N, C-alpha and C. Protein backbone atom coordinates (compact mmCIF):
# COMPACT_ATOMS: atom_id res chain seq x y z
N MET A 1 -1.00 -5.37 21.83
CA MET A 1 -1.35 -5.62 20.44
C MET A 1 -2.85 -5.77 20.29
N GLY A 2 -3.52 -6.32 21.26
CA GLY A 2 -4.97 -6.28 21.15
C GLY A 2 -5.62 -7.62 20.87
N ASP A 3 -6.70 -7.55 20.15
CA ASP A 3 -7.59 -8.69 19.95
C ASP A 3 -6.97 -9.77 19.06
N VAL A 4 -7.34 -10.99 19.40
CA VAL A 4 -6.95 -12.14 18.60
C VAL A 4 -8.09 -12.44 17.64
N VAL A 5 -7.76 -12.89 16.45
CA VAL A 5 -8.78 -13.23 15.46
C VAL A 5 -9.52 -14.49 15.94
N SER A 6 -10.83 -14.43 15.95
CA SER A 6 -11.64 -15.55 16.44
C SER A 6 -11.89 -16.57 15.32
N GLU A 7 -12.34 -17.74 15.72
CA GLU A 7 -12.72 -18.77 14.76
C GLU A 7 -13.85 -18.28 13.86
N ASP A 8 -14.78 -17.50 14.43
CA ASP A 8 -15.88 -16.94 13.64
C ASP A 8 -15.35 -15.98 12.57
N ASP A 9 -14.35 -15.18 12.95
CA ASP A 9 -13.73 -14.27 11.98
C ASP A 9 -13.09 -15.05 10.83
N LEU A 10 -12.40 -16.12 11.18
CA LEU A 10 -11.75 -16.93 10.15
C LEU A 10 -12.77 -17.59 9.23
N ALA A 11 -13.84 -18.10 9.81
CA ALA A 11 -14.89 -18.74 9.00
C ALA A 11 -15.52 -17.71 8.06
N ARG A 12 -15.79 -16.52 8.57
CA ARG A 12 -16.38 -15.48 7.73
C ARG A 12 -15.42 -15.07 6.61
N ALA A 13 -14.14 -14.98 6.94
CA ALA A 13 -13.13 -14.60 5.95
C ALA A 13 -13.05 -15.62 4.82
N ARG A 14 -13.31 -16.88 5.13
CA ARG A 14 -13.29 -17.92 4.10
C ARG A 14 -14.47 -17.77 3.13
N ARG A 15 -15.57 -17.24 3.63
CA ARG A 15 -16.78 -17.09 2.81
C ARG A 15 -16.88 -15.75 2.09
N ASP A 16 -16.30 -14.72 2.68
CA ASP A 16 -16.53 -13.36 2.23
C ASP A 16 -15.21 -12.69 1.82
N PRO A 17 -14.94 -12.57 0.51
CA PRO A 17 -13.67 -11.99 0.06
C PRO A 17 -13.43 -10.56 0.57
N ALA A 18 -14.47 -9.74 0.65
CA ALA A 18 -14.29 -8.37 1.14
C ALA A 18 -13.88 -8.36 2.61
N TYR A 19 -14.50 -9.23 3.39
CA TYR A 19 -14.14 -9.33 4.81
C TYR A 19 -12.72 -9.88 4.96
N ARG A 20 -12.35 -10.85 4.12
CA ARG A 20 -11.00 -11.42 4.15
C ARG A 20 -9.97 -10.33 3.89
N GLN A 21 -10.24 -9.48 2.90
CA GLN A 21 -9.31 -8.39 2.60
C GLN A 21 -9.20 -7.44 3.78
N LYS A 22 -10.34 -7.10 4.38
CA LYS A 22 -10.35 -6.19 5.53
C LYS A 22 -9.56 -6.80 6.69
N LEU A 23 -9.78 -8.08 6.97
CA LEU A 23 -9.10 -8.75 8.07
C LEU A 23 -7.59 -8.79 7.84
N LEU A 24 -7.18 -9.13 6.63
CA LEU A 24 -5.75 -9.16 6.31
C LEU A 24 -5.14 -7.76 6.44
N ALA A 25 -5.81 -6.75 5.92
CA ALA A 25 -5.29 -5.38 5.98
C ALA A 25 -5.15 -4.90 7.42
N GLU A 26 -6.16 -5.17 8.24
CA GLU A 26 -6.11 -4.74 9.63
C GLU A 26 -4.96 -5.43 10.37
N ASN A 27 -4.78 -6.71 10.12
CA ASN A 27 -3.71 -7.43 10.80
C ASN A 27 -2.34 -7.05 10.28
N LEU A 28 -2.24 -6.70 9.01
CA LEU A 28 -0.97 -6.19 8.49
C LEU A 28 -0.63 -4.86 9.16
N ASP A 29 -1.62 -4.00 9.31
CA ASP A 29 -1.39 -2.72 10.00
C ASP A 29 -0.92 -2.95 11.44
N ARG A 30 -1.56 -3.87 12.14
CA ARG A 30 -1.18 -4.17 13.53
C ARG A 30 0.25 -4.70 13.59
N LEU A 31 0.60 -5.57 12.67
CA LEU A 31 1.95 -6.13 12.63
C LEU A 31 2.98 -5.05 12.35
N LEU A 32 2.69 -4.16 11.40
CA LEU A 32 3.63 -3.08 11.09
C LEU A 32 3.81 -2.13 12.27
N GLU A 33 2.73 -1.87 13.00
CA GLU A 33 2.84 -1.04 14.21
C GLU A 33 3.75 -1.70 15.23
N ALA A 34 3.58 -3.01 15.43
CA ALA A 34 4.42 -3.73 16.38
C ALA A 34 5.88 -3.72 15.95
N LEU A 35 6.13 -3.90 14.65
CA LEU A 35 7.50 -3.87 14.15
C LEU A 35 8.13 -2.48 14.33
N ASN A 36 7.37 -1.44 14.09
CA ASN A 36 7.88 -0.09 14.30
C ASN A 36 8.19 0.16 15.77
N PHE A 37 7.34 -0.34 16.66
CA PHE A 37 7.60 -0.21 18.08
C PHE A 37 8.90 -0.91 18.45
N MET A 38 9.07 -2.14 17.96
CA MET A 38 10.29 -2.88 18.26
C MET A 38 11.53 -2.16 17.72
N ARG A 39 11.39 -1.56 16.56
CA ARG A 39 12.52 -0.82 15.97
C ARG A 39 12.89 0.39 16.84
N ARG A 40 11.87 1.09 17.35
CA ARG A 40 12.13 2.26 18.19
C ARG A 40 12.77 1.89 19.53
N VAL A 41 12.41 0.72 20.06
CA VAL A 41 12.98 0.27 21.32
C VAL A 41 14.48 0.02 21.17
N ASN A 42 14.89 -0.39 19.98
CA ASN A 42 16.31 -0.56 19.65
C ASN A 42 16.99 -1.59 20.55
N ASP A 43 16.35 -2.75 20.68
CA ASP A 43 16.91 -3.87 21.44
C ASP A 43 17.82 -4.67 20.50
N ASP A 44 19.11 -4.76 20.84
CA ASP A 44 20.08 -5.43 19.98
C ASP A 44 20.25 -6.92 20.29
N SER A 45 19.36 -7.48 21.09
CA SER A 45 19.51 -8.89 21.46
C SER A 45 19.22 -9.80 20.27
N PRO A 46 19.80 -10.99 20.27
CA PRO A 46 19.53 -11.95 19.18
C PRO A 46 18.04 -12.33 19.12
N GLU A 47 17.39 -12.43 20.26
CA GLU A 47 15.97 -12.78 20.28
C GLU A 47 15.14 -11.70 19.62
N SER A 48 15.45 -10.45 19.88
CA SER A 48 14.73 -9.34 19.26
C SER A 48 14.96 -9.33 17.75
N ALA A 49 16.17 -9.59 17.33
CA ALA A 49 16.49 -9.65 15.89
C ALA A 49 15.71 -10.77 15.22
N ARG A 50 15.62 -11.93 15.89
CA ARG A 50 14.87 -13.07 15.34
C ARG A 50 13.39 -12.71 15.22
N GLN A 51 12.84 -12.07 16.24
CA GLN A 51 11.43 -11.67 16.20
C GLN A 51 11.17 -10.66 15.09
N MET A 52 12.09 -9.74 14.89
CA MET A 52 11.94 -8.76 13.81
C MET A 52 11.94 -9.46 12.45
N ARG A 53 12.85 -10.40 12.25
CA ARG A 53 12.89 -11.13 10.98
C ARG A 53 11.59 -11.90 10.75
N GLU A 54 11.11 -12.57 11.79
CA GLU A 54 9.85 -13.30 11.66
C GLU A 54 8.69 -12.36 11.35
N GLY A 55 8.67 -11.21 12.01
CA GLY A 55 7.61 -10.23 11.76
C GLY A 55 7.65 -9.68 10.35
N VAL A 56 8.84 -9.41 9.86
CA VAL A 56 8.98 -8.91 8.50
C VAL A 56 8.55 -9.98 7.49
N ASP A 57 8.96 -11.22 7.72
CA ASP A 57 8.54 -12.32 6.83
C ASP A 57 7.02 -12.45 6.81
N LEU A 58 6.40 -12.37 7.97
CA LEU A 58 4.94 -12.46 8.04
C LEU A 58 4.28 -11.27 7.34
N ALA A 59 4.83 -10.08 7.51
CA ALA A 59 4.28 -8.90 6.85
C ALA A 59 4.33 -9.05 5.33
N VAL A 60 5.41 -9.59 4.82
CA VAL A 60 5.53 -9.81 3.38
C VAL A 60 4.47 -10.82 2.91
N LYS A 61 4.28 -11.90 3.67
CA LYS A 61 3.28 -12.89 3.31
C LYS A 61 1.86 -12.29 3.32
N LEU A 62 1.57 -11.48 4.34
CA LEU A 62 0.25 -10.84 4.39
C LEU A 62 0.06 -9.89 3.21
N ALA A 63 1.09 -9.12 2.89
CA ALA A 63 0.99 -8.20 1.76
C ALA A 63 0.79 -8.96 0.45
N ASP A 64 1.50 -10.08 0.29
CA ASP A 64 1.32 -10.91 -0.91
C ASP A 64 -0.10 -11.43 -1.01
N ARG A 65 -0.65 -11.87 0.10
CA ARG A 65 -2.03 -12.37 0.09
C ARG A 65 -3.01 -11.26 -0.25
N LEU A 66 -2.79 -10.08 0.30
CA LEU A 66 -3.66 -8.95 -0.02
C LEU A 66 -3.62 -8.63 -1.51
N GLN A 67 -2.44 -8.63 -2.09
CA GLN A 67 -2.31 -8.36 -3.52
C GLN A 67 -2.93 -9.48 -4.34
N GLY A 68 -2.81 -10.71 -3.87
CA GLY A 68 -3.37 -11.86 -4.58
C GLY A 68 -4.88 -11.88 -4.58
N LEU A 69 -5.50 -11.24 -3.62
CA LEU A 69 -6.96 -11.21 -3.56
C LEU A 69 -7.54 -10.52 -4.78
N HIS A 70 -6.81 -9.60 -5.34
CA HIS A 70 -7.29 -8.87 -6.52
C HIS A 70 -7.14 -9.69 -7.80
N LYS A 71 -6.32 -10.75 -7.73
CA LYS A 71 -6.04 -11.54 -8.94
C LYS A 71 -6.76 -12.89 -8.92
N ALA A 72 -6.94 -13.45 -7.73
CA ALA A 72 -7.45 -14.82 -7.62
C ALA A 72 -8.98 -14.84 -7.50
N PRO A 73 -9.59 -15.91 -7.94
CA PRO A 73 -11.03 -16.05 -7.72
C PRO A 73 -11.31 -16.27 -6.24
N PRO A 74 -12.53 -16.02 -5.77
CA PRO A 74 -12.85 -16.18 -4.36
C PRO A 74 -12.57 -17.60 -3.88
N TYR A 75 -12.19 -17.71 -2.63
CA TYR A 75 -11.90 -18.99 -2.00
C TYR A 75 -13.16 -19.83 -1.94
N ARG A 76 -13.03 -21.09 -2.27
CA ARG A 76 -14.15 -22.03 -2.20
C ARG A 76 -13.74 -23.22 -1.34
N ALA A 77 -14.46 -23.47 -0.27
CA ALA A 77 -14.19 -24.62 0.58
C ALA A 77 -14.59 -25.90 -0.15
N ALA A 78 -13.83 -26.93 0.03
CA ALA A 78 -14.10 -28.21 -0.62
C ALA A 78 -15.16 -29.00 0.12
């Protein structure tokens, strides 16, 4: 799957809406690739099914956040 998001990436995403969108989109793409790989492997185990459900739930949340970026004002740290 590759690189893990660093603390610096997260801090920058909090400050920069364009970077936040890019980071979310890239990670959504990576997640969808992993889900497609799991689907092709066709593992019928309960653990694989649970991981697929969790991955799909996370993909939906990421997609919702990406769509919300166009509607919400930029994030402001308190």
